[in-house]
C-alpha atoms as a PDB file:
ATOM      1  CA  MET A   1       9.036 -11.729   3.846  1.00  0.00           C
ATOM      2  CA  ASP A   2      11.692 -10.291   6.103  1.00  0.00           C
ATOM      3  CA  THR A   3      11.279  -7.137   8.116  1.00  0.00           C
ATOM      4  CA  LEU A   4      11.738  -3.794   6.394  1.00  0.00           C
ATOM      5  CA  VAL A   5      13.920  -0.966   7.632  1.00  0.00           C
ATOM      6  CA  GLY A   6      12.779   2.573   6.960  1.00  0.00           C
ATOM      7  CA  PRO A   7      15.021   5.566   6.260  1.00  0.00           C
ATOM      8  CA  SER A   8      14.902   6.481   9.975  1.00  0.00           C
ATOM      9  CA  GLY A   9      16.215   3.047  10.973  1.00  0.00           C
ATOM     10  CA  ARG A  10      12.820   1.978  12.332  1.00  0.00           C
ATOM     11  CA  THR A  11      12.039  -1.707  11.749  1.00  0.00           C
ATOM     12  CA  TYR A  12       8.733  -2.582  10.079  1.00  0.00           C
ATOM     13  CA  ALA A  13       6.783  -5.817   9.947  1.00  0.00           C
ATOM     14  CA  PRO A  14       5.706  -6.577   6.378  1.00  0.00           C
ATOM     15  CA  LEU A  15       2.144  -5.833   5.327  1.00  0.00           C
ATOM     16  CA  PRO A  16       0.340  -8.756   3.651  1.00  0.00           C
ATOM     17  CA  ILE A  17       0.274  -7.135   0.206  1.00  0.00           C
ATOM     18  CA  ASP A  18      -0.045  -9.737  -2.550  1.00  0.00           C
ATOM     19  CA  SER A  19       1.105  -8.079  -5.777  1.00  0.00           C
ATOM     20  CA  SER A  20      -0.397 -10.871  -7.875  1.00  0.00           C
ATOM     21  CA  ARG A  21      -3.872  -9.921  -6.572  1.00  0.00           C
ATOM     22  CA  GLY A  22      -3.574  -6.598  -8.350  1.00  0.00           C
ATOM     23  CA  VAL A  23      -5.033  -3.283  -7.319  1.00  0.00           C
ATOM     24  CA  PRO A  24      -7.301  -2.126  -5.892  1.00  0.00           C
ATOM     25  CA  GLN A  25      -6.548  -4.367  -2.945  1.00  0.00           C
ATOM     26  CA  PHE A  26      -8.150  -4.543   0.500  1.00  0.00           C
ATOM     27  CA  PHE A  27      -6.976  -6.483   3.508  1.00  0.00           C
ATOM     28  CA  PRO A  28      -7.677  -6.512   7.246  1.00  0.00           C
ATOM     29  CA  LEU A  29      -4.768  -6.601   9.654  1.00  0.00           C
ATOM     30  CA  LEU A  30      -4.654  -7.281  13.379  1.00  0.00           C
ATOM     31  CA  PHE A  31      -1.650  -5.372  14.682  1.00  0.00           C
ATOM     32  CA  ALA A  32      -0.811  -4.579  18.314  1.00  0.00           C
ATOM     33  CA  ASN A  33      -4.293  -5.700  19.422  1.00  0.00           C
ATOM     34  CA  ARG A  34      -6.083  -3.347  17.023  1.00  0.00           C
ATOM     35  CA  ASN A  35      -7.912  -4.187  13.814  1.00  0.00           C
ATOM     36  CA  TYR A  36      -7.021  -2.146  10.748  1.00  0.00           C
ATOM     37  CA  LEU A  37      -8.426  -2.222   7.224  1.00  0.00           C
ATOM     38  CA  PHE A  38      -6.028  -1.286   4.426  1.00  0.00           C
ATOM     39  CA  HIS A  39      -7.035  -0.249   0.915  1.00  0.00           C
ATOM     40  CA  LEU A  40      -4.448   0.300  -1.826  1.00  0.00           C
ATOM     41  CA  TYR A  41      -5.152   1.621  -5.292  1.00  0.00           C
ATOM     42  CA  VAL A  42      -3.343   3.306  -8.162  1.00  0.00           C
ATOM     43  CA  ASN A  43      -4.456   6.622  -9.576  1.00  0.00           C
ATOM     44  CA  VAL A  44      -3.431   6.729 -13.252  1.00  0.00           C
ATOM     45  CA  PRO A  45      -4.895   8.388 -16.361  1.00  0.00           C
ATOM     46  CA  ALA A  46      -6.645   6.042 -18.793  1.00  0.00           C
ATOM     47  CA  ALA A  47      -4.270   7.112 -21.585  1.00  0.00           C
ATOM     48  CA  ARG A  48      -1.349   5.540 -19.682  1.00  0.00           C
ATOM     49  CA  VAL A  49      -2.869   2.068 -19.493  1.00  0.00           C
ATOM     50  CA  THR A  50      -3.375   1.272 -23.163  1.00  0.00           C
ATOM     51  CA  ASP A  51      -0.046  -0.606 -23.369  1.00  0.00           C
ATOM     52  CA  LYS A  52      -0.806  -3.798 -21.431  1.00  0.00           C
ATOM     53  CA  SER A  53       2.903  -4.743 -21.235  1.00  0.00           C
ATOM     54  CA  LEU A  54       3.787  -1.565 -19.318  1.00  0.00           C
ATOM     55  CA  ILE A  55       4.991  -1.684 -15.716  1.00  0.00           C
ATOM     56  CA  LEU A  56       4.457   1.557 -13.808  1.00  0.00           C
ATOM     57  CA  ASP A  57       7.233   2.656 -11.450  1.00  0.00           C
ATOM     58  CA  LEU A  58       5.365   4.718  -8.897  1.00  0.00           C
ATOM     59  CA  PRO A  59       5.106   7.521  -8.264  1.00  0.00           C
ATOM     60  CA  SER A  60       5.488   9.170 -11.650  1.00  0.00           C
ATOM     61  CA  ALA A  61       4.363  12.532 -12.982  1.00  0.00           C
ATOM     62  CA  ASP A  62       0.816  11.265 -13.537  1.00  0.00           C
ATOM     63  CA  ALA A  63       0.450   8.007 -11.591  1.00  0.00           C
ATOM     64  CA  PHE A  64       0.733   7.161  -7.908  1.00  0.00           C
ATOM     65  CA  LEU A  65      -0.187   4.664  -5.191  1.00  0.00           C
ATOM     66  CA  VAL A  66      -2.876   5.725  -2.726  1.00  0.00           C
ATOM     67  CA  VAL A  67      -3.292   4.069   0.674  1.00  0.00           C
ATOM     68  CA  THR A  68      -6.221   4.380   3.041  1.00  0.00           C
ATOM     69  CA  VAL A  69      -6.294   2.893   6.534  1.00  0.00           C
ATOM     70  CA  GLU A  70      -9.242   2.562   8.871  1.00  0.00           C
ATOM     71  CA  VAL A  71      -9.216   1.360  12.463  1.00  0.00           C
ATOM     72  CA  ASP A  72     -12.021  -0.584  14.149  1.00  0.00           C
ATOM     73  CA  LEU A  73     -13.479   1.217  17.159  1.00  0.00           C
ATOM     74  CA  ALA A  74     -14.955  -0.327  20.295  1.00  0.00           C
ATOM     75  CA  ASP A  75     -18.515   0.528  19.205  1.00  0.00           C
ATOM     76  CA  GLY A  76     -18.148  -1.563  16.025  1.00  0.00           C
ATOM     77  CA  THR A  77     -17.624   1.350  13.653  1.00  0.00           C
ATOM     78  CA  ARG A  78     -14.518   2.182  11.645  1.00  0.00           C
ATOM     79  CA  GLN A  79     -12.613   5.434  11.713  1.00  0.00           C
ATOM     80  CA  PRO A  80     -10.433   6.540   8.788  1.00  0.00           C
ATOM     81  CA  ILE A  81      -6.972   7.421  10.079  1.00  0.00           C
ATOM     82  CA  PHE A  82      -4.955   7.684   6.862  1.00  0.00           C
ATOM     83  CA  LEU A  83      -5.629   8.659   3.249  1.00  0.00           C
ATOM     84  CA  ARG A  84      -2.827   9.823   1.004  1.00  0.00           C
ATOM     85  CA  LYS A  85      -0.547   9.319  -1.913  1.00  0.00           C
ATOM     86  CA  VAL A  86       2.517   7.406  -0.711  1.00  0.00           C
ATOM     87  CA  VAL A  87       6.047   7.518  -2.057  1.00  0.00           C
ATOM     88  CA  PRO A  88       9.059   5.265  -1.456  1.00  0.00           C
ATOM     89  CA  GLY A  89      11.631   6.696   0.896  1.00  0.00           C
ATOM     90  CA  LEU A  90       9.117   8.336   3.210  1.00  0.00           C
ATOM     91  CA  GLU A  91       7.746   7.039   6.477  1.00  0.00           C
ATOM     92  CA  TYR A  92       4.190   7.856   7.491  1.00  0.00           C
ATOM     93  CA  GLU A  93       2.818   8.146  11.026  1.00  0.00           C
ATOM     94  CA  THR A  94      -0.845   8.090  11.969  1.00  0.00           C
ATOM     95  CA  GLY A  95      -2.562   7.177  15.207  1.00  0.00           C
ATOM     96  CA  ARG A  96      -0.525   4.450  16.903  1.00  0.00           C
ATOM     97  CA  ILE A  97       1.203   3.173  13.772  1.00  0.00           C
ATOM     98  CA  ALA A  98       3.932   4.059  11.323  1.00  0.00           C
ATOM     99  CA  MET A  99       4.059   2.772   7.747  1.00  0.00           C
ATOM    100  CA  VAL A 100       6.479   2.616   4.847  1.00  0.00           C
ATOM    101  CA  PHE A 101       5.958   1.597   1.195  1.00  0.00           C
ATOM    102  CA  PRO A 102       9.442   1.166  -0.306  1.00  0.00           C
ATOM    103  CA  GLN A 103       8.599  -0.736  -3.459  1.00  0.00           C
ATOM    104  CA  GLN A 104       5.865   0.388  -5.863  1.00  0.00           C
ATOM    105  CA  ARG A 105       5.908  -1.242  -9.287  1.00  0.00           C
ATOM    106  CA  VAL A 106       2.522  -2.062 -10.755  1.00  0.00           C
ATOM    107  CA  ALA A 107       1.935  -3.822 -14.061  1.00  0.00           C
ATOM    108  CA  VAL A 108      -0.882  -2.374 -16.145  1.00  0.00           C
ATOM    109  CA  GLN A 109      -2.352  -5.893 -16.300  1.00  0.00           C
ATOM    110  CA  ASN A 110      -2.656  -5.801 -12.490  1.00  0.00           C
ATOM    111  CA  LEU A 111      -4.876  -2.721 -12.587  1.00  0.00           C
ATOM    112  CA  ASN A 112      -8.233  -4.344 -11.831  1.00  0.00           C
ATOM    113  CA  GLY A 113      -6.695  -7.701 -12.736  1.00  0.00           C
ATOM    114  CA  GLN A 114      -5.004 -10.606 -11.005  1.00  0.00           C
ATOM    115  CA  GLY A 115      -1.959 -12.606 -12.042  1.00  0.00           C
ATOM    116  CA  ASP A 116       1.831 -12.573 -12.049  1.00  0.00           C
ATOM    117  CA  PHE A 117       2.668  -9.737 -14.434  1.00  0.00           C
ATOM    118  CA  GLY A 118       5.686  -8.231 -12.668  1.00  0.00           C
ATOM    119  CA  SER A 119       4.030  -6.059 -10.032  1.00  0.00           C
ATOM    120  CA  GLN A 120       6.035  -5.564  -6.838  1.00  0.00           C
ATOM    121  CA  VAL A 121       4.397  -3.577  -4.060  1.00  0.00           C
ATOM    122  CA  THR A 122       5.717  -3.845  -0.524  1.00  0.00           C
ATOM    123  CA  GLY A 123       4.811  -2.083   2.668  1.00  0.00           C
ATOM    124  CA  GLY A 124       5.535  -2.280   6.360  1.00  0.00           C
ATOM    125  CA  ILE A 125       3.920  -1.382   9.667  1.00  0.00           C
ATOM    126  CA  ALA A 126       5.375  -0.547  13.076  1.00  0.00           C
ATOM    127  CA  LEU A 127       4.269   0.984  16.356  1.00  0.00           C
ATOM    128  CA  ARG A 128       4.974   4.692  16.763  1.00  0.00           C
END
């Protein structure tokens, strides 16, 4: 994947989000000599997920993508540095990093399920 450019003009390296793995999704990332752990999930009411052919364009009035980020500390513990609902078009700064999540389409079949069902979630990371 190519680099992403945020609304500010900042250039972001792509995050290793694999839409076919579904959500929730966890992945570690070594970036700028620091270890981060990312967790992505979708908050959506059960009534919205009965139609298995539905693709959710996030955020909507009742569904959204949530991202948490933890950083590994020198003593071997992890510290949460980010927890929030994210929306396309906004850039987020926390600690030493900035992030962007410009594309957020999640197929209902990818909620707690893997496969190629049309989900497209992208994100990027940069130094602040």
